[in-house]
PDB file of N, CA and C in Angstrom:
ATOM      1  N   UNK A   1       1.280  -1.231   0.186  1.00  0.00           N
ATOM      2  CA  UNK A   1       0.416   0.055   0.267  1.00  0.00           C
ATOM      3  C   UNK A   1       1.275   1.501   0.071  1.00  0.00           C
ATOM      4  N   UNK A   2       0.890   2.240  -1.474  1.00  0.00           N
ATOM      5  CA  UNK A   2       1.521   3.429  -1.292  1.00  0.00           C
ATOM      6  C   UNK A   2       0.692   4.103  -0.396  1.00  0.00           C
ATOM      7  N   UNK A   3       1.914   5.412   0.610  1.00  0.00           N
ATOM      8  CA  UNK A   3       0.551   6.234   0.748  1.00  0.00           C
ATOM      9  C   UNK A   3       2.446   7.145   1.174  1.00  0.00           C
ATOM     10  N   UNK A   4       1.611   8.086   1.960  1.00  0.00           N
ATOM     11  CA  UNK A   4       2.510   9.540   1.738  1.00  0.00           C
ATOM     12  C   UNK A   4       2.743  10.039   3.927  1.00  0.00           C
ATOM     13  N   UNK A   5       3.357  10.280   3.849  1.00  0.00           N
ATOM     14  CA  UNK A   5       3.320  10.352   5.793  1.00  0.00           C
ATOM     15  C   UNK A   5       3.883  11.616   5.834  1.00  0.00           C
ATOM     16  N   UNK A   6       3.557  12.484   5.051  1.00  0.00           N
ATOM     17  CA  UNK A   6       3.702  14.387   4.422  1.00  0.00           C
ATOM     18  C   UNK A   6       2.342  14.331   3.875  1.00  0.00           C
ATOM     19  N   UNK A   7       1.930  14.818   5.348  1.00  0.00           N
ATOM     20  CA  UNK A   7       0.026  15.873   5.310  1.00  0.00           C
ATOM     21  C   UNK A   7       0.184  17.808   5.690  1.00  0.00           C
ATOM     22  N   UNK A   8      -0.639  18.246   4.911  1.00  0.00           N
ATOM     23  CA  UNK A   8      -0.900  19.647   5.380  1.00  0.00           C
ATOM     24  C   UNK A   8      -1.765  19.526   6.134  1.00  0.00           C
ATOM     25  N   UNK A   9      -2.112  20.789   7.288  1.00  0.00           N
ATOM     26  CA  UNK A   9      -3.145  21.918   8.165  1.00  0.00           C
ATOM     27  C   UNK A   9      -3.687  22.943   7.783  1.00  0.00           C
ATOM     28  N   UNK A  10      -4.444  23.021   6.742  1.00  0.00           N
ATOM     29  CA  UNK A  10      -5.231  23.931   7.123  1.00  0.00           C
ATOM     30  C   UNK A  10      -5.537  25.096   8.509  1.00  0.00           C
ATOM     31  N   UNK A  11      -5.083  26.425   9.511  1.00  0.00           N
ATOM     32  CA  UNK A  11      -6.205  26.174  10.493  1.00  0.00           C
ATOM     33  C   UNK A  11      -6.009  27.596  10.694  1.00  0.00           C
ATOM     34  N   UNK A  12      -6.626  28.054  12.143  1.00  0.00           N
ATOM     35  CA  UNK A  12      -6.540  30.176  12.292  1.00  0.00           C
ATOM     36  C   UNK A  12      -6.058  29.629  13.181  1.00  0.00           C
ATOM     37  N   UNK A  13      -5.541  30.880  13.913  1.00  0.00           N
ATOM     38  CA  UNK A  13      -3.971  31.986  14.732  1.00  0.00           C
ATOM     39  C   UNK A  13      -4.952  31.310  16.211  1.00  0.00           C
ATOM     40  N   UNK A  14      -6.408  31.950  15.838  1.00  0.00           N
ATOM     41  CA  UNK A  14      -6.419  31.259  17.283  1.00  0.00           C
ATOM     42  C   UNK A  14      -6.728  29.544  17.340  1.00  0.00           C
ATOM     43  N   UNK A  15      -7.829  28.232  16.776  1.00  0.00           N
ATOM     44  CA  UNK A  15      -6.982  27.534  16.824  1.00  0.00           C
ATOM     45  C   UNK A  15      -5.239  26.779  16.737  1.00  0.00           C
ATOM     46  N   UNK A  16      -4.418  27.373  16.433  1.00  0.00           N
ATOM     47  CA  UNK A  16      -3.226  27.151  16.513  1.00  0.00           C
ATOM     48  C   UNK A  16      -2.829  27.464  17.747  1.00  0.00           C
ATOM     49  N   UNK A  17      -2.953  28.544  18.426  1.00  0.00           N
ATOM     50  CA  UNK A  17      -2.838  28.794  19.930  1.00  0.00           C
ATOM     51  C   UNK A  17      -3.426  27.652  20.531  1.00  0.00           C
ATOM     52  N   UNK A  18      -4.209  26.628  20.183  1.00  0.00           N
ATOM     53  CA  UNK A  18      -5.125  26.088  21.047  1.00  0.00           C
ATOM     54  C   UNK A  18      -4.058  25.035  20.904  1.00  0.00           C
ATOM     55  N   UNK A  19      -4.041  24.851  19.684  1.00  0.00           N
ATOM     56  CA  UNK A  19      -3.498  23.468  19.360  1.00  0.00           C
ATOM     57  C   UNK A  19      -0.749  24.026  19.976  1.00  0.00           C
ATOM     58  N   UNK A  20      -1.164  24.657  20.094  1.00  0.00           N
ATOM     59  CA  UNK A  20       0.003  25.214  21.598  1.00  0.00           C
ATOM     60  C   UNK A  20      -0.405  24.528  23.448  1.00  0.00           C
ATOM     61  N   UNK A  21      -0.895  25.502  22.941  1.00  0.00           N
ATOM     62  CA  UNK A  21      -0.984  24.803  24.293  1.00  0.00           C
ATOM     63  C   UNK A  21      -2.052  23.594  24.288  1.00  0.00           C
ATOM     64  N   UNK A  22      -2.472  23.212  24.393  1.00  0.00           N
ATOM     65  CA  UNK A  22      -3.190  21.153  24.182  1.00  0.00           C
ATOM     66  C   UNK A  22      -2.175  20.133  24.058  1.00  0.00           C
ATOM     67  N   UNK A  23      -1.353  20.949  23.002  1.00  0.00           N
ATOM     68  CA  UNK A  23       0.166  20.125  22.599  1.00  0.00           C
ATOM     69  C   UNK A  23       0.219  18.713  21.850  1.00  0.00           C
ATOM     70  N   UNK A  24      -1.580  18.969  20.994  1.00  0.00           N
ATOM     71  CA  UNK A  24      -2.269  18.200  20.060  1.00  0.00           C
ATOM     72  C   UNK A  24      -2.955  18.624  19.013  1.00  0.00           C
ATOM     73  N   UNK A  25      -2.025  18.430  17.851  1.00  0.00           N
ATOM     74  CA  UNK A  25      -3.828  18.641  16.531  1.00  0.00           C
ATOM     75  C   UNK A  25      -4.918  17.700  16.691  1.00  0.00           C
ATOM     76  N   UNK A  26      -5.846  18.734  17.379  1.00  0.00           N
ATOM     77  CA  UNK A  26      -7.270  16.844  17.483  1.00  0.00           C
ATOM     78  C   UNK A  26      -8.662  18.542  17.468  1.00  0.00           C
ATOM     79  N   UNK A  27      -8.499  18.585  16.835  1.00  0.00           N
ATOM     80  CA  UNK A  27     -10.228  19.436  15.917  1.00  0.00           C
ATOM     81  C   UNK A  27     -10.720  19.363  16.551  1.00  0.00           C
ATOM     82  N   UNK A  28     -11.734  20.381  17.069  1.00  0.00           N
ATOM     83  CA  UNK A  28     -13.542  20.119  18.427  1.00  0.00           C
ATOM     84  C   UNK A  28     -14.345  21.325  16.688  1.00  0.00           C
ATOM     85  N   UNK A  29     -15.202  19.878  16.640  1.00  0.00           N
ATOM     86  CA  UNK A  29     -16.440  20.654  15.639  1.00  0.00           C
ATOM     87  C   UNK A  29     -17.269  21.528  16.642  1.00  0.00           C
ATOM     88  N   UNK A  30     -18.246  21.676  15.931  1.00  0.00           N
ATOM     89  CA  UNK A  30     -19.211  22.277  16.242  1.00  0.00           C
ATOM     90  C   UNK A  30     -20.021  21.682  17.751  1.00  0.00           C
ATOM     91  N   UNK A  31     -20.431  19.963  16.717  1.00  0.00           N
ATOM     92  CA  UNK A  31     -21.730  19.512  17.763  1.00  0.00           C
ATOM     93  C   UNK A  31     -20.677  17.961  18.673  1.00  0.00           C
ATOM     94  N   UNK A  32     -18.726  19.029  18.927  1.00  0.00           N
ATOM     95  CA  UNK A  32     -18.277  18.129  19.580  1.00  0.00           C
ATOM     96  C   UNK A  32     -17.113  17.301  19.684  1.00  0.00           C
ATOM     97  N   UNK A  33     -17.827  16.443  17.753  1.00  0.00           N
ATOM     98  CA  UNK A  33     -17.143  15.325  17.600  1.00  0.00           C
ATOM     99  C   UNK A  33     -15.282  16.190  17.396  1.00  0.00           C
ATOM    100  N   UNK A  34     -14.262  15.128  17.409  1.00  0.00           N
ATOM    101  CA  UNK A  34     -12.886  15.718  17.492  1.00  0.00           C
ATOM    102  C   UNK A  34     -12.590  15.054  16.560  1.00  0.00           C
ATOM    103  N   UNK A  35     -11.950  15.189  15.860  1.00  0.00           N
ATOM    104  CA  UNK A  35     -11.064  15.031  14.728  1.00  0.00           C
ATOM    105  C   UNK A  35     -10.788  16.071  13.184  1.00  0.00           C
ATOM    106  N   UNK A  36      -9.324  15.533  12.829  1.00  0.00           N
ATOM    107  CA  UNK A  36      -8.717  16.588  12.334  1.00  0.00           C
ATOM    108  C   UNK A  36      -8.764  16.663  10.615  1.00  0.00           C
ATOM    109  N   UNK A  37      -9.439  17.358   9.410  1.00  0.00           N
ATOM    110  CA  UNK A  37      -8.860  16.711   8.660  1.00  0.00           C
ATOM    111  C   UNK A  37      -7.229  16.929   7.789  1.00  0.00           C
ATOM    112  N   UNK A  38      -6.471  16.170   7.317  1.00  0.00           N
ATOM    113  CA  UNK A  38      -5.472  16.841   6.624  1.00  0.00           C
ATOM    114  C   UNK A  38      -5.702  16.372   5.311  1.00  0.00           C
ATOM    115  N   UNK A  39      -4.575  17.177   4.694  1.00  0.00           N
ATOM    116  CA  UNK A  39      -4.774  16.777   2.846  1.00  0.00           C
ATOM    117  C   UNK A  39      -2.744  16.842   2.280  1.00  0.00           C
ATOM    118  N   UNK A  40      -2.959  16.178   1.390  1.00  0.00           N
ATOM    119  CA  UNK A  40      -1.631  16.125   0.889  1.00  0.00           C
ATOM    120  C   UNK A  40      -0.947  17.515  -0.081  1.00  0.00           C
ATOM    121  N   UNK A  41      -2.463  17.822  -0.371  1.00  0.00           N
ATOM    122  CA  UNK A  41      -1.895  19.231  -1.252  1.00  0.00           C
ATOM    123  C   UNK A  41      -0.908  20.341  -0.177  1.00  0.00           C
ATOM    124  N   UNK A  42      -0.640  21.291  -0.407  1.00  0.00           N
ATOM    125  CA  UNK A  42      -0.513  21.904   1.152  1.00  0.00           C
ATOM    126  C   UNK A  42      -1.055  23.955   0.768  1.00  0.00           C
ATOM    127  N   UNK A  43      -2.144  24.105  -0.807  1.00  0.00           N
ATOM    128  CA  UNK A  43      -2.078  24.890  -1.610  1.00  0.00           C
ATOM    129  C   UNK A  43      -3.292  24.479  -0.920  1.00  0.00           C
ATOM    130  N   UNK A  44      -3.943  23.319  -1.435  1.00  0.00           N
ATOM    131  CA  UNK A  44      -5.495  23.483  -0.096  1.00  0.00           C
ATOM    132  C   UNK A  44      -5.748  23.616   1.040  1.00  0.00           C
ATOM    133  N   UNK A  45      -4.616  23.672   1.922  1.00  0.00           N
ATOM    134  CA  UNK A  45      -4.594  23.333   3.253  1.00  0.00           C
ATOM    135  C   UNK A  45      -5.200  24.899   3.395  1.00  0.00           C
ATOM    136  N   UNK A  46      -4.052  26.022   2.916  1.00  0.00           N
ATOM    137  CA  UNK A  46      -3.381  27.550   3.299  1.00  0.00           C
ATOM    138  C   UNK A  46      -5.271  27.717   2.798  1.00  0.00           C
ATOM    139  N   UNK A  47      -6.748  27.064   2.329  1.00  0.00           N
ATOM    140  CA  UNK A  47      -6.927  27.478   2.204  1.00  0.00           C
ATOM    141  C   UNK A  47      -8.038  27.740   2.635  1.00  0.00           C
ATOM    142  N   UNK A  48      -7.705  26.607   4.308  1.00  0.00           N
ATOM    143  CA  UNK A  48      -9.045  27.104   5.942  1.00  0.00           C
ATOM    144  C   UNK A  48      -8.353  27.415   6.287  1.00  0.00           C
ATOM    145  N   UNK A  49      -6.690  28.714   6.128  1.00  0.00           N
ATOM    146  CA  UNK A  49      -6.781  29.568   7.536  1.00  0.00           C
ATOM    147  C   UNK A  49      -5.026  30.466   7.469  1.00  0.00           C
ATOM    148  N   UNK A  50      -4.965  30.536   8.105  1.00  0.00           N
ATOM    149  CA  UNK A  50      -3.501  31.152   7.970  1.00  0.00           C
ATOM    150  C   UNK A  50      -3.026  31.384   7.667  1.00  0.00           C
ATOM    151  N   UNK A  51      -3.050  30.044   8.600  1.00  0.00           N
ATOM    152  CA  UNK A  51      -1.323  29.018   9.397  1.00  0.00           C
ATOM    153  C   UNK A  51      -1.645  27.687   8.071  1.00  0.00           C
ATOM    154  N   UNK A  52      -1.075  27.921   8.245  1.00  0.00           N
ATOM    155  CA  UNK A  52      -0.498  25.914   7.396  1.00  0.00           C
ATOM    156  C   UNK A  52      -0.278  25.281   8.171  1.00  0.00           C
ATOM    157  N   UNK A  53       0.292  24.080   8.616  1.00  0.00           N
ATOM    158  CA  UNK A  53       1.033  23.074   9.509  1.00  0.00           C
ATOM    159  C   UNK A  53       1.646  21.535   8.325  1.00  0.00           C
ATOM    160  N   UNK A  54       3.091  21.475   8.806  1.00  0.00           N
ATOM    161  CA  UNK A  54       3.119  20.520   7.738  1.00  0.00           C
ATOM    162  C   UNK A  54       3.193  19.114   9.232  1.00  0.00           C
ATOM    163  N   UNK A  55       2.578  17.902   8.711  1.00  0.00           N
ATOM    164  CA  UNK A  55       2.390  17.063   9.576  1.00  0.00           C
ATOM    165  C   UNK A  55       2.984  16.281   9.032  1.00  0.00           C
ATOM    166  N   UNK A  56       3.768  14.725   9.912  1.00  0.00           N
ATOM    167  CA  UNK A  56       4.717  14.465   9.643  1.00  0.00           C
ATOM    168  C   UNK A  56       3.313  12.864   9.910  1.00  0.00           C
ATOM    169  N   UNK A  57       2.538  12.337   9.665  1.00  0.00           N
ATOM    170  CA  UNK A  57       1.552  11.397  10.444  1.00  0.00           C
ATOM    171  C   UNK A  57       1.523   9.874   9.178  1.00  0.00           C
ATOM    172  N   UNK A  58       1.956   9.502   9.655  1.00  0.00           N
ATOM    173  CA  UNK A  58       1.554   7.887   8.762  1.00  0.00           C
ATOM    174  C   UNK A  58       0.005   7.400   8.299  1.00  0.00           C
ATOM    175  N   UNK A  59      -0.962   6.929   8.075  1.00  0.00           N
ATOM    176  CA  UNK A  59      -1.795   7.090   8.814  1.00  0.00           C
ATOM    177  C   UNK A  59      -2.086   4.910   8.280  1.00  0.00           C
ATOM    178  N   UNK A  60      -0.827   4.241   7.973  1.00  0.00           N
ATOM    179  CA  UNK A  60      -1.240   3.182   7.881  1.00  0.00           C
ATOM    180  C   UNK A  60      -0.859   2.136   9.248  1.00  0.00           C
ATOM    181  N   UNK A  61       0.500   3.221  10.070  1.00  0.00           N
ATOM    182  CA  UNK A  61       0.105   3.009  11.849  1.00  0.00           C
ATOM    183  C   UNK A  61      -1.430   3.063  12.388  1.00  0.00           C
ATOM    184  N   UNK A  62      -2.051   3.875  11.551  1.00  0.00           N
ATOM    185  CA  UNK A  62      -3.327   4.533  12.401  1.00  0.00           C
ATOM    186  C   UNK A  62      -5.400   4.313  11.693  1.00  0.00           C
ATOM    187  N   UNK A  63      -4.318   2.786  11.704  1.00  0.00           N
ATOM    188  CA  UNK A  63      -6.101   2.900  10.204  1.00  0.00           C
ATOM    189  C   UNK A  63      -7.130   2.112  11.226  1.00  0.00           C
ATOM    190  N   UNK A  64      -7.418   2.653  12.374  1.00  0.00           N
ATOM    191  CA  UNK A  64      -8.088   2.534  13.315  1.00  0.00           C
ATOM    192  C   UNK A  64      -9.033   4.045  13.404  1.00  0.00           C
ATOM    193  N   UNK A  65      -8.544   4.991  13.566  1.00  0.00           N
ATOM    194  CA  UNK A  65      -9.037   6.310  13.800  1.00  0.00           C
ATOM    195  C   UNK A  65      -8.723   6.821  12.770  1.00  0.00           C
ATOM    196  N   UNK A  66      -8.629   6.825  10.995  1.00  0.00           N
ATOM    197  CA  UNK A  66      -8.712   7.559  10.084  1.00  0.00           C
ATOM    198  C   UNK A  66      -9.478   7.236   9.475  1.00  0.00           C
ATOM    199  N   UNK A  67      -9.851   7.654   7.890  1.00  0.00           N
ATOM    200  CA  UNK A  67     -10.686   7.112   6.667  1.00  0.00           C
ATOM    201  C   UNK A  67      -9.704   7.215   5.229  1.00  0.00           C
ATOM    202  N   UNK A  68      -8.668   7.022   5.443  1.00  0.00           N
ATOM    203  CA  UNK A  68      -7.136   7.225   4.411  1.00  0.00           C
ATOM    204  C   UNK A  68      -7.728   5.822   3.588  1.00  0.00           C
ATOM    205  N   UNK A  69      -7.603   5.985   2.538  1.00  0.00           N
ATOM    206  CA  UNK A  69      -7.495   5.884   1.178  1.00  0.00           C
ATOM    207  C   UNK A  69      -6.157   5.763   0.790  1.00  0.00           C
ATOM    208  N   UNK A  70      -5.668   4.577  -0.404  1.00  0.00           N
ATOM    209  CA  UNK A  70      -4.045   5.666  -0.844  1.00  0.00           C
ATOM    210  C   UNK A  70      -4.416   6.352  -2.056  1.00  0.00           C
ATOM    211  N   UNK A  71      -5.772   6.177  -2.818  1.00  0.00           N
ATOM    212  CA  UNK A  71      -6.064   7.063  -4.273  1.00  0.00           C
ATOM    213  C   UNK A  71      -7.204   7.968  -3.141  1.00  0.00           C
ATOM    214  N   UNK A  72      -7.318   9.079  -1.961  1.00  0.00           N
ATOM    215  CA  UNK A  72      -7.289   9.844  -1.604  1.00  0.00           C
ATOM    216  C   UNK A  72      -6.511  10.931  -1.476  1.00  0.00           C
ATOM    217  N   UNK A  73      -6.597  12.582  -1.969  1.00  0.00           N
ATOM    218  CA  UNK A  73      -5.765  13.236  -1.438  1.00  0.00           C
ATOM    219  C   UNK A  73      -6.178  14.153   0.337  1.00  0.00           C
ATOM    220  N   UNK A  74      -7.581  13.769   0.727  1.00  0.00           N
ATOM    221  CA  UNK A  74      -7.425  14.388   2.350  1.00  0.00           C
ATOM    222  C   UNK A  74      -8.675  12.719   3.147  1.00  0.00           C
ATOM    223  N   UNK A  75      -7.974  13.205   4.296  1.00  0.00           N
ATOM    224  CA  UNK A  75      -8.623  12.403   5.414  1.00  0.00           C
ATOM    225  C   UNK A  75      -8.867  12.480   6.415  1.00  0.00           C
ATOM    226  N   UNK A  76      -9.704  11.587   7.051  1.00  0.00           N
ATOM    227  CA  UNK A  76     -10.427  12.577   8.351  1.00  0.00           C
ATOM    228  C   UNK A  76      -9.570  11.272   9.813  1.00  0.00           C
ATOM    229  N   UNK A  77      -8.415  12.041  10.422  1.00  0.00           N
ATOM    230  CA  UNK A  77      -8.194  11.140  11.687  1.00  0.00           C
ATOM    231  C   UNK A  77      -9.362  11.365  13.196  1.00  0.00           C
ATOM    232  N   UNK A  78      -9.537  10.604  13.475  1.00  0.00           N
ATOM    233  CA  UNK A  78     -10.279  11.537  14.697  1.00  0.00           C
ATOM    234  C   UNK A  78      -9.421  10.536  16.493  1.00  0.00           C
ATOM    235  N   UNK A  79      -7.785  10.437  16.290  1.00  0.00           N
ATOM    236  CA  UNK A  79      -7.069  10.077  17.468  1.00  0.00           C
ATOM    237  C   UNK A  79      -6.510  11.992  17.153  1.00  0.00           C
ATOM    238  N   UNK A  80      -5.129  12.459  17.987  1.00  0.00           N
ATOM    239  CA  UNK A  80      -4.963  12.903  18.272  1.00  0.00           C
ATOM    240  C   UNK A  80      -3.331  13.134  17.703  1.00  0.00           C
ATOM    241  N   UNK A  81      -3.222  14.421  17.126  1.00  0.00           N
ATOM    242  CA  UNK A  81      -2.085  14.294  16.523  1.00  0.00           C
ATOM    243  C   UNK A  81      -0.219  14.751  17.622  1.00  0.00           C
ATOM    244  N   UNK A  82       0.122  14.362  17.940  1.00  0.00           N
ATOM    245  CA  UNK A  82       1.170  15.044  18.814  1.00  0.00           C
ATOM    246  C   UNK A  82       1.950  15.797  18.524  1.00  0.00           C
ATOM    247  N   UNK A  83       1.703  17.307  18.813  1.00  0.00           N
ATOM    248  CA  UNK A  83       2.502  18.798  18.387  1.00  0.00           C
ATOM    249  C   UNK A  83       4.176  18.262  17.490  1.00  0.00           C
ATOM    250  N   UNK A  84       4.588  17.229  18.518  1.00  0.00           N
ATOM    251  CA  UNK A  84       5.863  16.863  18.275  1.00  0.00           C
ATOM    252  C   UNK A  84       6.283  16.273  16.690  1.00  0.00           C
ATOM    253  N   UNK A  85       4.598  15.748  15.766  1.00  0.00           N
ATOM    254  CA  UNK A  85       4.887  16.082  14.560  1.00  0.00           C
ATOM    255  C   UNK A  85       3.865  16.901  13.393  1.00  0.00           C
ATOM    256  N   UNK A  86       4.236  18.191  14.734  1.00  0.00           N
ATOM    257  CA  UNK A  86       3.458  19.067  13.966  1.00  0.00           C
ATOM    258  C   UNK A  86       4.298  20.637  13.821  1.00  0.00           C
ATOM    259  N   UNK A  87       4.844  20.863  12.069  1.00  0.00           N
ATOM    260  CA  UNK A  87       5.183  22.638  12.476  1.00  0.00           C
ATOM    261  C   UNK A  87       4.531  23.286  11.533  1.00  0.00           C
ATOM    262  N   UNK A  88       4.659  24.384  12.356  1.00  0.00           N
ATOM    263  CA  UNK A  88       4.447  25.592  11.613  1.00  0.00           C
ATOM    264  C   UNK A  88       5.282  25.489   9.978  1.00  0.00           C
ATOM    265  N   UNK A  89       3.907  26.470   8.983  1.00  0.00           N
ATOM    266  CA  UNK A  89       5.440  26.066   7.831  1.00  0.00           C
ATOM    267  C   UNK A  89       5.554  27.215   7.481  1.00  0.00           C
ATOM    268  N   UNK A  90       3.300  27.989   7.732  1.00  0.00           N
ATOM    269  CA  UNK A  90       3.574  29.102   7.570  1.00  0.00           C
ATOM    270  C   UNK A  90       1.893  30.015   8.105  1.00  0.00           C
TER     271      UNK A  90
END
């Protein structure tokens, strides 16, 4: 199964402060559910906020917590991703 371990996530300044404070990338949706969208295309991630994050995440090692498909350009991750795997690129 071919897959990338480098993904991107766009976020707001306010949400980025929460990520730094909580030490995890783990989105909170309006309905209270927790998940994070990741995409392969940096430019797509740029469209979702002023801040773009590079995320080192291996979906195959966490298959029970994402909807990874090798043909897909994005995925939803339901597990928290530690900030040690996240780097702000702008």
